[in-house]
PDB file of N, CA and C in Angstrom:
ATOM      1  N   MET A   1      25.015 240.205  51.694  1.00  0.00           N
ATOM      2  CA  MET A   1      24.611 240.397  50.321  1.00  0.00           C
ATOM      3  C   MET A   1      25.847 240.241  49.444  1.00  0.00           C
ATOM      4  N   LYS A   2      25.699 239.568  48.333  1.00  0.00           N
ATOM      5  CA  LYS A   2      26.807 239.351  47.412  1.00  0.00           C
ATOM      6  C   LYS A   2      26.399 239.792  46.014  1.00  0.00           C
ATOM      7  N   ILE A   3      27.394 240.292  45.277  1.00  0.00           N
ATOM      8  CA  ILE A   3      27.211 240.554  43.856  1.00  0.00           C
ATOM      9  C   ILE A   3      28.390 239.937  43.126  1.00  0.00           C
ATOM     10  N   ASN A   4      28.217 239.621  41.874  1.00  0.00           N
ATOM     11  CA  ASN A   4      29.314 239.137  41.051  1.00  0.00           C
ATOM     12  C   ASN A   4      29.828 240.298  40.216  1.00  0.00           C
ATOM     13  N   CYS A   5      31.142 240.460  40.181  1.00  0.00           N
ATOM     14  CA  CYS A   5      31.755 241.496  39.373  1.00  0.00           C
ATOM     15  C   CYS A   5      31.415 241.248  37.909  1.00  0.00           C
ATOM     16  N   LEU A   6      30.971 242.286  37.221  1.00  0.00           N
ATOM     17  CA  LEU A   6      30.612 242.156  35.816  1.00  0.00           C
ATOM     18  C   LEU A   6      31.831 242.080  34.909  1.00  0.00           C
ATOM     19  N   ALA A   7      33.015 242.403  35.429  1.00  0.00           N
ATOM     20  CA  ALA A   7      34.235 242.337  34.631  1.00  0.00           C
ATOM     21  C   ALA A   7      34.939 240.991  34.747  1.00  0.00           C
ATOM     22  N   CYS A   8      35.021 240.453  35.973  1.00  0.00           N
ATOM     23  CA  CYS A   8      35.805 239.223  36.161  1.00  0.00           C
ATOM     24  C   CYS A   8      35.010 238.066  36.764  1.00  0.00           C
ATOM     25  N   GLY A   9      33.799 238.327  37.261  1.00  0.00           N
ATOM     26  CA  GLY A   9      32.977 237.270  37.840  1.00  0.00           C
ATOM     27  C   GLY A   9      33.222 236.995  39.303  1.00  0.00           C
ATOM     28  N   HIS A  10      34.185 237.670  39.904  1.00  0.00           N
ATOM     29  CA  HIS A  10      34.503 237.473  41.323  1.00  0.00           C
ATOM     30  C   HIS A  10      33.287 237.806  42.185  1.00  0.00           C
ATOM     31  N   SER A  11      33.044 237.026  43.209  1.00  0.00           N
ATOM     32  CA  SER A  11      31.948 237.282  44.137  1.00  0.00           C
ATOM     33  C   SER A  11      32.385 238.332  45.155  1.00  0.00           C
ATOM     34  N   VAL A  12      31.689 239.477  45.144  1.00  0.00           N
ATOM     35  CA  VAL A  12      32.006 240.590  46.040  1.00  0.00           C
ATOM     36  C   VAL A  12      31.018 240.568  47.195  1.00  0.00           C
ATOM     37  N   ASN A  13      31.536 240.404  48.419  1.00  0.00           N
ATOM     38  CA  ASN A  13      30.687 240.387  49.609  1.00  0.00           C
ATOM     39  C   ASN A  13      30.473 241.819  50.105  1.00  0.00           C
ATOM     40  N   LEU A  14      29.220 242.181  50.283  1.00  0.00           N
ATOM     41  CA  LEU A  14      28.871 243.500  50.805  1.00  0.00           C
ATOM     42  C   LEU A  14      28.214 243.302  52.157  1.00  0.00           C
ATOM     43  N   ASP A  15      28.698 244.016  53.169  1.00  0.00           N
ATOM     44  CA  ASP A  15      28.138 243.863  54.515  1.00  0.00           C
ATOM     45  C   ASP A  15      26.848 244.671  54.670  1.00  0.00           C
ATOM     46  N   GLY A  16      26.306 244.690  55.854  1.00  0.00           N
ATOM     47  CA  GLY A  16      25.045 245.352  56.139  1.00  0.00           C
ATOM     48  C   GLY A  16      25.032 246.841  55.861  1.00  0.00           C
ATOM     49  N   ALA A  17      26.189 247.471  55.799  1.00  0.00           N
ATOM     50  CA  ALA A  17      26.261 248.897  55.498  1.00  0.00           C
ATOM     51  C   ALA A  17      25.757 249.200  54.086  1.00  0.00           C
ATOM     52  N   TYR A  18      25.683 248.189  53.245  1.00  0.00           N
ATOM     53  CA  TYR A  18      25.236 248.364  51.866  1.00  0.00           C
ATOM     54  C   TYR A  18      23.772 247.971  51.665  1.00  0.00           C
ATOM     55  N   ASP A  19      23.043 247.686  52.743  1.00  0.00           N
ATOM     56  CA  ASP A  19      21.641 247.263  52.616  1.00  0.00           C
ATOM     57  C   ASP A  19      20.773 248.303  51.924  1.00  0.00           C
ATOM     58  N   ASP A  20      21.008 249.572  52.173  1.00  0.00           N
ATOM     59  CA  ASP A  20      20.315 250.671  51.500  1.00  0.00           C
ATOM     60  C   ASP A  20      21.393 251.620  50.990  1.00  0.00           C
ATOM     61  N   TYR A  21      21.920 251.326  49.810  1.00  0.00           N
ATOM     62  CA  TYR A  21      23.082 252.036  49.289  1.00  0.00           C
ATOM     63  C   TYR A  21      22.925 252.267  47.798  1.00  0.00           C
ATOM     64  N   GLU A  22      23.365 253.433  47.360  1.00  0.00           N
ATOM     65  CA  GLU A  22      23.456 253.725  45.941  1.00  0.00           C
ATOM     66  C   GLU A  22      24.787 254.410  45.717  1.00  0.00           C
ATOM     67  N   GLY A  23      25.646 253.789  44.909  1.00  0.00           N
ATOM     68  CA  GLY A  23      26.962 254.360  44.660  1.00  0.00           C
ATOM     69  C   GLY A  23      27.904 253.344  44.059  1.00  0.00           C
ATOM     70  N   GLN A  24      29.186 253.648  44.128  1.00  0.00           N
ATOM     71  CA  GLN A  24      30.191 252.805  43.493  1.00  0.00           C
ATOM     72  C   GLN A  24      30.820 251.833  44.477  1.00  0.00           C
ATOM     73  N   VAL A  25      31.185 250.679  43.933  1.00  0.00           N
ATOM     74  CA  VAL A  25      31.878 249.625  44.670  1.00  0.00           C
ATOM     75  C   VAL A  25      33.033 249.163  43.788  1.00  0.00           C
ATOM     76  N   LYS A  26      34.181 248.914  44.406  1.00  0.00           N
ATOM     77  CA  LYS A  26      35.352 248.448  43.668  1.00  0.00           C
ATOM     78  C   LYS A  26      35.552 246.958  43.903  1.00  0.00           C
ATOM     79  N   CYS A  27      35.729 246.202  42.829  1.00  0.00           N
ATOM     80  CA  CYS A  27      36.010 244.764  42.931  1.00  0.00           C
ATOM     81  C   CYS A  27      37.424 244.586  43.482  1.00  0.00           C
ATOM     82  N   VAL A  28      37.551 243.791  44.529  1.00  0.00           N
ATOM     83  CA  VAL A  28      38.868 243.576  45.136  1.00  0.00           C
ATOM     84  C   VAL A  28      39.760 242.683  44.276  1.00  0.00           C
ATOM     85  N   ALA A  29      39.168 241.915  43.364  1.00  0.00           N
ATOM     86  CA  ALA A  29      39.955 241.007  42.542  1.00  0.00           C
ATOM     87  C   ALA A  29      40.584 241.701  41.331  1.00  0.00           C
ATOM     88  N   CYS A  30      39.783 242.475  40.581  1.00  0.00           N
ATOM     89  CA  CYS A  30      40.296 243.063  39.338  1.00  0.00           C
ATOM     90  C   CYS A  30      40.342 244.581  39.351  1.00  0.00           C
ATOM     91  N   GLY A  31      39.732 245.203  40.364  1.00  0.00           N
ATOM     92  CA  GLY A  31      39.748 246.659  40.455  1.00  0.00           C
ATOM     93  C   GLY A  31      38.661 247.366  39.671  1.00  0.00           C
ATOM     94  N   ALA A  32      37.767 246.602  39.039  1.00  0.00           N
ATOM     95  CA  ALA A  32      36.675 247.220  38.285  1.00  0.00           C
ATOM     96  C   ALA A  32      35.783 248.035  39.212  1.00  0.00           C
ATOM     97  N   ILE A  33      35.243 249.109  38.679  1.00  0.00           N
ATOM     98  CA  ILE A  33      34.316 249.945  39.420  1.00  0.00           C
ATOM     99  C   ILE A  33      32.897 249.585  38.956  1.00  0.00           C
ATOM    100  N   LEU A  34      32.053 249.264  39.925  1.00  0.00           N
ATOM    101  CA  LEU A  34      30.660 248.921  39.651  1.00  0.00           C
ATOM    102  C   LEU A  34      29.764 249.932  40.338  1.00  0.00           C
ATOM    103  N   GLU A  35      28.720 250.333  39.677  1.00  0.00           N
ATOM    104  CA  GLU A  35      27.698 251.198  40.264  1.00  0.00           C
ATOM    105  C   GLU A  35      26.581 250.278  40.730  1.00  0.00           C
ATOM    106  N   ILE A  36      26.201 250.382  42.007  1.00  0.00           N
ATOM    107  CA  ILE A  36      25.144 249.512  42.516  1.00  0.00           C
ATOM    108  C   ILE A  36      24.034 250.328  43.172  1.00  0.00           C
ATOM    109  N   ARG A  37      22.870 249.721  43.220  1.00  0.00           N
ATOM    110  CA  ARG A  37      21.763 250.257  44.005  1.00  0.00           C
ATOM    111  C   ARG A  37      21.155 249.091  44.756  1.00  0.00           C
ATOM    112  N   ALA A  38      21.122 249.209  46.075  1.00  0.00           N
ATOM    113  CA  ALA A  38      20.553 248.167  46.937  1.00  0.00           C
ATOM    114  C   ALA A  38      19.480 248.810  47.808  1.00  0.00           C
ATOM    115  N   GLU A  39      18.392 248.090  47.983  1.00  0.00           N
ATOM    116  CA  GLU A  39      17.296 248.556  48.832  1.00  0.00           C
ATOM    117  C   GLU A  39      16.875 247.417  49.746  1.00  0.00           C
ATOM    118  N   GLN A  40      16.832 247.685  51.034  1.00  0.00           N
ATOM    119  CA  GLN A  40      16.398 246.721  52.041  1.00  0.00           C
ATOM    120  C   GLN A  40      17.127 245.388  51.919  1.00  0.00           C
ATOM    121  N   GLY A  41      18.431 245.456  51.676  1.00  0.00           N
ATOM    122  CA  GLY A  41      19.255 244.260  51.624  1.00  0.00           C
ATOM    123  C   GLY A  41      19.199 243.476  50.329  1.00  0.00           C
ATOM    124  N   SER A  42      18.520 244.023  49.303  1.00  0.00           N
ATOM    125  CA  SER A  42      18.438 243.352  48.001  1.00  0.00           C
ATOM    126  C   SER A  42      19.054 244.235  46.925  1.00  0.00           C
ATOM    127  N   VAL A  43      19.834 243.624  46.058  1.00  0.00           N
ATOM    128  CA  VAL A  43      20.447 244.353  44.953  1.00  0.00           C
ATOM    129  C   VAL A  43      19.371 244.640  43.908  1.00  0.00           C
ATOM    130  N   ARG A  44      19.254 245.900  43.524  1.00  0.00           N
ATOM    131  CA  ARG A  44      18.286 246.312  42.506  1.00  0.00           C
ATOM    132  C   ARG A  44      18.948 246.592  41.168  1.00  0.00           C
ATOM    133  N   LEU A  45      20.233 247.014  41.202  1.00  0.00           N
ATOM    134  CA  LEU A  45      20.928 247.378  39.973  1.00  0.00           C
ATOM    135  C   LEU A  45      22.424 247.183  40.163  1.00  0.00           C
ATOM    136  N   VAL A  46      23.072 246.599  39.172  1.00  0.00           N
ATOM    137  CA  VAL A  46      24.536 246.544  39.113  1.00  0.00           C
ATOM    138  C   VAL A  46      24.908 246.966  37.707  1.00  0.00           C
ATOM    139  N   HIS A  47      25.757 247.982  37.618  1.00  0.00           N
ATOM    140  CA  HIS A  47      26.153 248.539  36.328  1.00  0.00           C
ATOM    141  C   HIS A  47      27.672 248.657  36.291  1.00  0.00           C
ATOM    142  N   PHE A  48      28.288 248.167  35.219  1.00  0.00           N
ATOM    143  CA  PHE A  48      29.732 248.273  35.049  1.00  0.00           C
ATOM    144  C   PHE A  48      30.094 249.712  34.706  1.00  0.00           C
ATOM    145  N   VAL A  49      31.081 250.281  35.413  1.00  0.00           N
ATOM    146  CA  VAL A  49      31.510 251.654  35.156  1.00  0.00           C
ATOM    147  C   VAL A  49      32.843 251.664  34.415  1.00  0.00           C
ATOM    148  N   ALA A  50      33.884 251.036  34.997  1.00  0.00           N
ATOM    149  CA  ALA A  50      35.209 251.112  34.382  1.00  0.00           C
ATOM    150  C   ALA A  50      36.163 250.098  34.985  1.00  0.00           C
ATOM    151  N   LEU A  51      37.178 249.755  34.206  1.00  0.00           N
ATOM    152  CA  LEU A  51      38.312 248.983  34.699  1.00  0.00           C
ATOM    153  C   LEU A  51      39.406 249.962  35.083  1.00  0.00           C
ATOM    154  N   PRO A  52      40.305 249.565  35.989  1.00  0.00           N
ATOM    155  CA  PRO A  52      41.415 250.467  36.319  1.00  0.00           C
ATOM    156  C   PRO A  52      42.277 250.707  35.086  1.00  0.00           C
ATOM    157  N   ARG A  53      42.793 251.900  34.961  1.00  0.00           N
ATOM    158  CA  ARG A  53      43.626 252.240  33.813  1.00  0.00           C
ATOM    159  C   ARG A  53      44.980 251.562  33.952  1.00  0.00           C
ATOM    160  N   ARG A  54      45.370 250.896  32.897  1.00  0.00           N
ATOM    161  CA  ARG A  54      46.715 250.298  32.857  1.00  0.00           C
ATOM    162  C   ARG A  54      47.602 251.201  32.025  1.00  0.00           C
ATOM    163  N   PRO A  55      48.837 251.383  32.444  1.00  0.00           N
ATOM    164  CA  PRO A  55      49.719 252.252  31.658  1.00  0.00           C
ATOM    165  C   PRO A  55      49.983 251.669  30.276  1.00  0.00           C
ATOM    166  N   ALA A  56      50.104 252.535  29.305  1.00  0.00           N
ATOM    167  CA  ALA A  56      50.437 252.105  27.952  1.00  0.00           C
ATOM    168  C   ALA A  56      51.839 251.494  27.957  1.00  0.00           C
ATOM    169  N   ARG A  57      52.112 250.643  26.993  1.00  0.00           N
ATOM    170  CA  ARG A  57      53.411 249.972  26.910  1.00  0.00           C
ATOM    171  C   ARG A  57      54.550 250.985  26.907  1.00  0.00           C
ATOM    172  N   GLU A  58      54.357 252.109  26.220  1.00  0.00           N
ATOM    173  CA  GLU A  58      55.392 253.132  26.147  1.00  0.00           C
ATOM    174  C   GLU A  58      55.659 253.736  27.529  1.00  0.00           C
ATOM    175  N   GLU A  59      54.621 253.929  28.335  1.00  0.00           N
ATOM    176  CA  GLU A  59      54.790 254.472  29.674  1.00  0.00           C
ATOM    177  C   GLU A  59      55.578 253.512  30.553  1.00  0.00           C
ATOM    178  N   VAL A  60      55.329 252.220  30.420  1.00  0.00           N
ATOM    179  CA  VAL A  60      56.051 251.220  31.199  1.00  0.00           C
ATOM    180  C   VAL A  60      57.512 251.203  30.796  1.00  0.00           C
ATOM    181  N   LEU A  61      57.787 251.254  29.498  1.00  0.00           N
ATOM    182  CA  LEU A  61      59.172 251.237  29.032  1.00  0.00           C
ATOM    183  C   LEU A  61      59.921 252.486  29.498  1.00  0.00           C
ATOM    184  N   GLU A  62      59.257 253.660  29.443  1.00  0.00           N
ATOM    185  CA  GLU A  62      59.907 254.894  29.905  1.00  0.00           C
ATOM    186  C   GLU A  62      60.216 254.844  31.391  1.00  0.00           C
ATOM    187  N   ALA A  63      59.324 254.248  32.170  1.00  0.00           N
ATOM    188  CA  ALA A  63      59.510 254.184  33.615  1.00  0.00           C
ATOM    189  C   ALA A  63      60.660 253.257  34.019  1.00  0.00           C
ATOM    190  N   THR A  64      60.975 252.287  33.170  1.00  0.00           N
ATOM    191  CA  THR A  64      62.021 251.325  33.511  1.00  0.00           C
ATOM    192  C   THR A  64      63.401 251.760  33.014  1.00  0.00           C
ATOM    193  N   HIS A  65      63.469 252.830  32.224  1.00  0.00           N
ATOM    194  CA  HIS A  65      64.759 253.281  31.684  1.00  0.00           C
ATOM    195  C   HIS A  65      65.220 254.525  32.352  1.00  0.00           C
TER     196      HIS A  65
END
């Protein structure tokens, strides 16, 4: 079973363990969190939850000094 990430479009392959699953999946390409519901090997719902938090520019500058 495959789904496309709603943030970046990457094709996310889900194995048989996700045939009857409801919960979160992380995109390996961009790190977005997707909420999915699958029943009997078919995707019923894909919902975008969040992108990974990127540090603010000030946090990056502080970390490098």
